[in-house]
Amino acid sequence: MKRGFTLIELMTAMSIFLVVMTISMGSILNVFDANRKSRSLKTVLNNLNLVVESMSREMRYGRNYHCGAGGNISSPQDCWPSGDMLMSFLSSDGLQTTYRLNNASIEKRIGTGLYIAVTAPEIVIDDLVFYALGAGTGDALQPKVIMRIKSHAGTTGKGRSDFTLQTLVSQRILDI
């Protein structure tokens, strides 16, 4: 009697092998997709963290908060509770600093210079709103600004991650 595998046994073994390989490849592709989404989200969050931290630090040591595009940006102006996409203040260096949302990017201007994007090109800012309260003098309120940023990472579909960041900045210089 000859020892070996019959044709049915070989076909069964190959079928089981192909099913296992197909399931494994699907799992591997899902892991690669999740890794790509995770890296994209990490890049966006790291960049936004840097931008928000930088903006917060400058505002904290600044004064004369002016929220909104109307009026003289060097004079204090509240925008509570409506909010606005433009925030200007006098920095600790004595320079007028302005932040705004333009073309899905956060831009910064120092003095009368040009606006320069502070967010990376791959980051899409859907909404940026500043709320300033207590900016005026003699109102018995310490000036503070709330920043709210809505953004997303990735493209449309299941690879997209939407998120919102919000922080409150209070002026360090006493103004009560």
C-alpha atoms as a PDB file:
ATOM      1  CA  MET A   1       0.000   0.000   0.000  1.00  0.00           C
ATOM      2  CA  LYS A   2       1.315   3.403  -0.954  1.00  0.00           C
ATOM      3  CA  ARG A   3       1.411   6.151   1.583  1.00  0.00           C
ATOM      4  CA  GLY A   4       0.411   9.685   0.594  1.00  0.00           C
ATOM      5  CA  PHE A   5      -2.442  12.098   0.411  1.00  0.00           C
ATOM      6  CA  THR A   6      -5.480  11.649  -1.709  1.00  0.00           C
ATOM      7  CA  LEU A   7      -6.729  14.369  -4.013  1.00  0.00           C
ATOM      8  CA  ILE A   8      -9.649  15.141  -1.682  1.00  0.00           C
ATOM      9  CA  GLU A   9      -7.296  15.586   1.285  1.00  0.00           C
ATOM     10  CA  LEU A  10      -5.070  17.969  -0.707  1.00  0.00           C
ATOM     11  CA  MET A  11      -8.055  20.015  -1.887  1.00  0.00           C
ATOM     12  CA  THR A  12      -9.424  20.231   1.668  1.00  0.00           C
ATOM     13  CA  ALA A  13      -6.050  21.341   3.050  1.00  0.00           C
ATOM     14  CA  MET A  14      -5.645  23.948   0.296  1.00  0.00           C
ATOM     15  CA  SER A  15      -9.184  25.271   0.875  1.00  0.00           C
ATOM     16  CA  ILE A  16      -8.578  25.660   4.605  1.00  0.00           C
ATOM     17  CA  PHE A  17      -5.229  27.341   3.907  1.00  0.00           C
ATOM     18  CA  LEU A  18      -6.830  29.798   1.446  1.00  0.00           C
ATOM     19  CA  VAL A  19      -9.644  30.688   3.871  1.00  0.00           C
ATOM     20  CA  VAL A  20      -7.162  31.341   6.688  1.00  0.00           C
ATOM     21  CA  MET A  21      -4.929  33.435   4.397  1.00  0.00           C
ATOM     22  CA  THR A  22      -7.882  35.501   3.137  1.00  0.00           C
ATOM     23  CA  ILE A  23      -9.014  36.291   6.680  1.00  0.00           C
ATOM     24  CA  SER A  24      -5.431  37.080   7.721  1.00  0.00           C
ATOM     25  CA  MET A  25      -4.895  39.451   4.791  1.00  0.00           C
ATOM     26  CA  GLY A  26      -8.114  41.303   5.647  1.00  0.00           C
ATOM     27  CA  SER A  27      -6.927  41.726   9.225  1.00  0.00           C
ATOM     28  CA  ILE A  28      -3.502  42.947   8.108  1.00  0.00           C
ATOM     29  CA  LEU A  29      -5.054  45.503   5.752  1.00  0.00           C
ATOM     30  CA  ASN A  30      -7.307  46.763   8.571  1.00  0.00           C
ATOM     31  CA  VAL A  31      -4.262  47.175  10.836  1.00  0.00           C
ATOM     32  CA  PHE A  32      -2.463  49.188   8.118  1.00  0.00           C
ATOM     33  CA  ASP A  33      -5.546  51.383   7.657  1.00  0.00           C
ATOM     34  CA  ALA A  34      -5.852  51.985  11.410  1.00  0.00           C
ATOM     35  CA  ASN A  35      -2.134  52.823  11.597  1.00  0.00           C
ATOM     36  CA  ARG A  36      -2.433  55.360   8.768  1.00  0.00           C
ATOM     37  CA  LYS A  37      -5.453  56.989  10.442  1.00  0.00           C
ATOM     38  CA  SER A  38      -3.660  57.069  13.801  1.00  0.00           C
ATOM     39  CA  ARG A  39      -0.563  58.731  12.308  1.00  0.00           C
ATOM     40  CA  SER A  40      -2.690  61.321  10.521  1.00  0.00           C
ATOM     41  CA  LEU A  41      -4.588  62.129  13.704  1.00  0.00           C
ATOM     42  CA  LYS A  42      -1.374  62.336  15.735  1.00  0.00           C
ATOM     43  CA  THR A  43       0.171  64.766  13.237  1.00  0.00           C
ATOM     44  CA  VAL A  44      -2.882  67.008  13.348  1.00  0.00           C
ATOM     45  CA  LEU A  45      -3.162  66.952  17.132  1.00  0.00           C
ATOM     46  CA  ASN A  46       0.554  67.622  17.658  1.00  0.00           C
ATOM     47  CA  ASN A  47       0.462  70.582  15.280  1.00  0.00           C
ATOM     48  CA  LEU A  48      -2.726  71.991  16.780  1.00  0.00           C
ATOM     49  CA  ASN A  49      -1.366  71.499  20.291  1.00  0.00           C
ATOM     50  CA  LEU A  50       1.678  73.573  19.365  1.00  0.00           C
ATOM     51  CA  VAL A  51      -0.466  76.284  17.754  1.00  0.00           C
ATOM     52  CA  VAL A  52      -2.928  76.486  20.660  1.00  0.00           C
ATOM     53  CA  GLU A  53      -0.124  76.511  23.243  1.00  0.00           C
ATOM     54  CA  SER A  54       1.715  79.279  21.375  1.00  0.00           C
ATOM     55  CA  MET A  55      -1.442  81.369  20.957  1.00  0.00           C
ATOM     56  CA  SER A  56      -2.389  80.856  24.610  1.00  0.00           C
ATOM     57  CA  ARG A  57       1.030  81.865  25.882  1.00  0.00           C
ATOM     58  CA  GLU A  58       1.094  85.026  23.760  1.00  0.00           C
ATOM     59  CA  MET A  59      -2.428  86.006  24.832  1.00  0.00           C
ATOM     60  CA  ARG A  60      -1.767  85.253  28.498  1.00  0.00           C
ATOM     61  CA  TYR A  61       1.111  87.755  28.589  1.00  0.00           C
ATOM     62  CA  GLY A  62      -0.637  90.214  26.251  1.00  0.00           C
ATOM     63  CA  ARG A  63      -3.183  92.935  26.919  1.00  0.00           C
ATOM     64  CA  ASN A  64      -5.817  95.068  25.161  1.00  0.00           C
ATOM     65  CA  TYR A  65      -7.746  92.113  23.760  1.00  0.00           C
ATOM     66  CA  HIS A  66      -9.754  93.097  20.691  1.00  0.00           C
ATOM     67  CA  CYS A  67     -12.171  90.484  19.398  1.00  0.00           C
ATOM     68  CA  GLY A  68     -13.677  90.970  15.932  1.00  0.00           C
ATOM     69  CA  ALA A  69     -12.721  92.789  12.759  1.00  0.00           C
ATOM     70  CA  GLY A  70     -14.772  95.914  13.531  1.00  0.00           C
ATOM     71  CA  GLY A  71     -13.352  99.021  15.157  1.00  0.00           C
ATOM     72  CA  ASN A  72      -9.781  99.945  15.979  1.00  0.00           C
ATOM     73  CA  ILE A  73      -7.894  96.693  16.702  1.00  0.00           C
ATOM     74  CA  SER A  74      -5.564  98.462  19.128  1.00  0.00           C
ATOM     75  CA  SER A  75      -8.454  99.302  21.488  1.00  0.00           C
ATOM     76  CA  PRO A  76     -10.037  96.643  23.748  1.00  0.00           C
ATOM     77  CA  GLN A  77     -13.298  95.084  22.548  1.00  0.00           C
ATOM     78  CA  ASP A  78     -15.384  92.195  23.898  1.00  0.00           C
ATOM     79  CA  CYS A  79     -17.234  89.718  21.716  1.00  0.00           C
ATOM     80  CA  TRP A  80     -19.265  87.840  24.276  1.00  0.00           C
ATOM     81  CA  PRO A  81     -21.439  85.747  23.740  1.00  0.00           C
ATOM     82  CA  SER A  82     -21.397  85.858  19.914  1.00  0.00           C
ATOM     83  CA  GLY A  83     -17.669  85.302  19.300  1.00  0.00           C
ATOM     84  CA  ASP A  84     -15.621  86.094  16.203  1.00  0.00           C
ATOM     85  CA  MET A  85     -12.964  84.567  13.920  1.00  0.00           C
ATOM     86  CA  LEU A  86     -10.425  87.359  14.543  1.00  0.00           C
ATOM     87  CA  MET A  87      -8.522  88.135  17.744  1.00  0.00           C
ATOM     88  CA  SER A  88      -6.001  90.937  18.178  1.00  0.00           C
ATOM     89  CA  PHE A  89      -3.996  92.000  21.234  1.00  0.00           C
ATOM     90  CA  LEU A  90      -0.881  93.863  22.278  1.00  0.00           C
ATOM     91  CA  SER A  91       1.832  91.274  22.941  1.00  0.00           C
ATOM     92  CA  SER A  92       4.322  91.424  25.812  1.00  0.00           C
ATOM     93  CA  ASP A  93       6.833  92.799  23.270  1.00  0.00           C
ATOM     94  CA  GLY A  94       4.522  95.741  22.593  1.00  0.00           C
ATOM     95  CA  LEU A  95       3.588  94.513  19.096  1.00  0.00           C
ATOM     96  CA  GLN A  96       0.008  94.246  17.854  1.00  0.00           C
ATOM     97  CA  THR A  97      -0.581  90.527  17.212  1.00  0.00           C
ATOM     98  CA  THR A  98      -3.603  89.254  15.300  1.00  0.00           C
ATOM     99  CA  TYR A  99      -4.914  85.724  14.729  1.00  0.00           C
ATOM    100  CA  ARG A 100      -7.648  84.813  12.272  1.00  0.00           C
ATOM    101  CA  LEU A 101      -9.183  81.951  10.308  1.00  0.00           C
ATOM    102  CA  ASN A 102      -8.583  82.171   6.564  1.00  0.00           C
ATOM    103  CA  ASN A 103      -8.981  79.425   3.939  1.00  0.00           C
ATOM    104  CA  ALA A 104      -9.189  76.592   6.518  1.00  0.00           C
ATOM    105  CA  SER A 105      -5.938  77.739   8.164  1.00  0.00           C
ATOM    106  CA  ILE A 106      -5.081  79.771  11.260  1.00  0.00           C
ATOM    107  CA  GLU A 107      -3.037  82.829  10.322  1.00  0.00           C
ATOM    108  CA  LYS A 108      -0.979  85.236  12.425  1.00  0.00           C
ATOM    109  CA  ARG A 109       0.051  88.826  11.772  1.00  0.00           C
ATOM    110  CA  ILE A 110       2.520  90.848  13.815  1.00  0.00           C
ATOM    111  CA  GLY A 111       2.185  94.617  13.574  1.00  0.00           C
ATOM    112  CA  THR A 112       1.229  95.685  10.067  1.00  0.00           C
ATOM    113  CA  GLY A 113       3.018  92.777   8.387  1.00  0.00           C
ATOM    114  CA  LEU A 114       1.513  90.051   6.256  1.00  0.00           C
ATOM    115  CA  TYR A 115      -0.606  87.209   7.590  1.00  0.00           C
ATOM    116  CA  ILE A 116       1.354  83.950   7.851  1.00  0.00           C
ATOM    117  CA  ALA A 117      -0.226  80.508   8.293  1.00  0.00           C
ATOM    118  CA  VAL A 118       0.673  78.913  11.630  1.00  0.00           C
ATOM    119  CA  THR A 119      -1.018  75.564  10.964  1.00  0.00           C
ATOM    120  CA  ALA A 120       0.437  72.908   8.679  1.00  0.00           C
ATOM    121  CA  PRO A 121      -1.034  72.667   5.152  1.00  0.00           C
ATOM    122  CA  GLU A 122      -2.396  69.146   5.746  1.00  0.00           C
ATOM    123  CA  ILE A 123      -4.519  70.382   8.654  1.00  0.00           C
ATOM    124  CA  VAL A 124      -8.009  71.606   7.841  1.00  0.00           C
ATOM    125  CA  ILE A 125      -9.524  74.058  10.314  1.00  0.00           C
ATOM    126  CA  ASP A 126     -13.298  73.960   9.948  1.00  0.00           C
ATOM    127  CA  ASP A 127     -14.055  76.682  12.491  1.00  0.00           C
ATOM    128  CA  LEU A 128     -12.145  79.051  14.787  1.00  0.00           C
ATOM    129  CA  VAL A 129     -14.060  81.207  17.258  1.00  0.00           C
ATOM    130  CA  PHE A 130     -12.718  83.569  19.908  1.00  0.00           C
ATOM    131  CA  TYR A 131     -14.889  84.775  22.791  1.00  0.00           C
ATOM    132  CA  ALA A 132     -13.453  87.741  24.726  1.00  0.00           C
ATOM    133  CA  LEU A 133     -14.891  88.943  28.019  1.00  0.00           C
ATOM    134  CA  GLY A 134     -13.653  91.740  30.282  1.00  0.00           C
ATOM    135  CA  ALA A 135     -11.432  93.322  27.628  1.00  0.00           C
ATOM    136  CA  GLY A 136     -12.522  96.855  28.466  1.00  0.00           C
ATOM    137  CA  THR A 137     -10.981  98.795  31.335  1.00  0.00           C
ATOM    138  CA  GLY A 138     -13.067  99.662  34.371  1.00  0.00           C
ATOM    139  CA  ASP A 139     -15.497  96.761  33.962  1.00  0.00           C
ATOM    140  CA  ALA A 140     -14.264  94.966  37.133  1.00  0.00           C
ATOM    141  CA  LEU A 141     -13.560  91.797  35.129  1.00  0.00           C
ATOM    142  CA  GLN A 142     -10.202  90.172  34.528  1.00  0.00           C
ATOM    143  CA  PRO A 143      -9.839  89.874  30.716  1.00  0.00           C
ATOM    144  CA  LYS A 144     -10.169  86.353  29.380  1.00  0.00           C
ATOM    145  CA  VAL A 145     -10.481  84.696  25.986  1.00  0.00           C
ATOM    146  CA  ILE A 146     -12.009  81.355  25.080  1.00  0.00           C
ATOM    147  CA  MET A 147     -10.669  79.762  21.890  1.00  0.00           C
ATOM    148  CA  ARG A 148     -12.648  77.031  20.150  1.00  0.00           C
ATOM    149  CA  ILE A 149     -11.147  75.214  17.172  1.00  0.00           C
ATOM    150  CA  LYS A 150     -13.039  72.647  15.106  1.00  0.00           C
ATOM    151  CA  SER A 151     -10.861  70.614  12.798  1.00  0.00           C
ATOM    152  CA  HIS A 152     -10.542  67.240  11.139  1.00  0.00           C
ATOM    153  CA  ALA A 153      -7.848  64.824  10.129  1.00  0.00           C
ATOM    154  CA  GLY A 154      -7.956  62.592   7.097  1.00  0.00           C
ATOM    155  CA  THR A 155     -10.203  62.681   4.097  1.00  0.00           C
ATOM    156  CA  THR A 156     -13.926  62.107   3.889  1.00  0.00           C
ATOM    157  CA  GLY A 157     -15.353  58.742   4.743  1.00  0.00           C
ATOM    158  CA  LYS A 158     -14.271  56.339   7.436  1.00  0.00           C
ATOM    159  CA  GLY A 159     -10.704  57.714   7.474  1.00  0.00           C
ATOM    160  CA  ARG A 160     -11.876  61.117   8.722  1.00  0.00           C
ATOM    161  CA  SER A 161     -11.683  62.096  12.398  1.00  0.00           C
ATOM    162  CA  ASP A 162     -13.481  65.247  13.555  1.00  0.00           C
ATOM    163  CA  PHE A 163     -12.569  66.913  16.828  1.00  0.00           C
ATOM    164  CA  THR A 164     -12.957  70.160  18.756  1.00  0.00           C
ATOM    165  CA  LEU A 165     -10.353  71.855  20.958  1.00  0.00           C
ATOM    166  CA  GLN A 166     -11.251  74.547  23.456  1.00  0.00           C
ATOM    167  CA  THR A 167      -9.179  76.478  25.954  1.00  0.00           C
ATOM    168  CA  LEU A 168      -9.573  79.503  28.209  1.00  0.00           C
ATOM    169  CA  VAL A 169      -6.819  82.102  28.494  1.00  0.00           C
ATOM    170  CA  SER A 170      -6.792  84.678  31.271  1.00  0.00           C
ATOM    171  CA  GLN A 171      -4.607  87.779  31.086  1.00  0.00           C
ATOM    172  CA  ARG A 172      -1.761  87.680  33.625  1.00  0.00           C
ATOM    173  CA  ILE A 173      -1.572  91.432  34.055  1.00  0.00           C
ATOM    174  CA  LEU A 174      -4.048  92.348  36.776  1.00  0.00           C
ATOM    175  CA  ASP A 175      -6.903  94.421  35.330  1.00  0.00           C
ATOM    176  CA  ILE A 176      -9.644  94.482  37.960  1.00  0.00           C
END
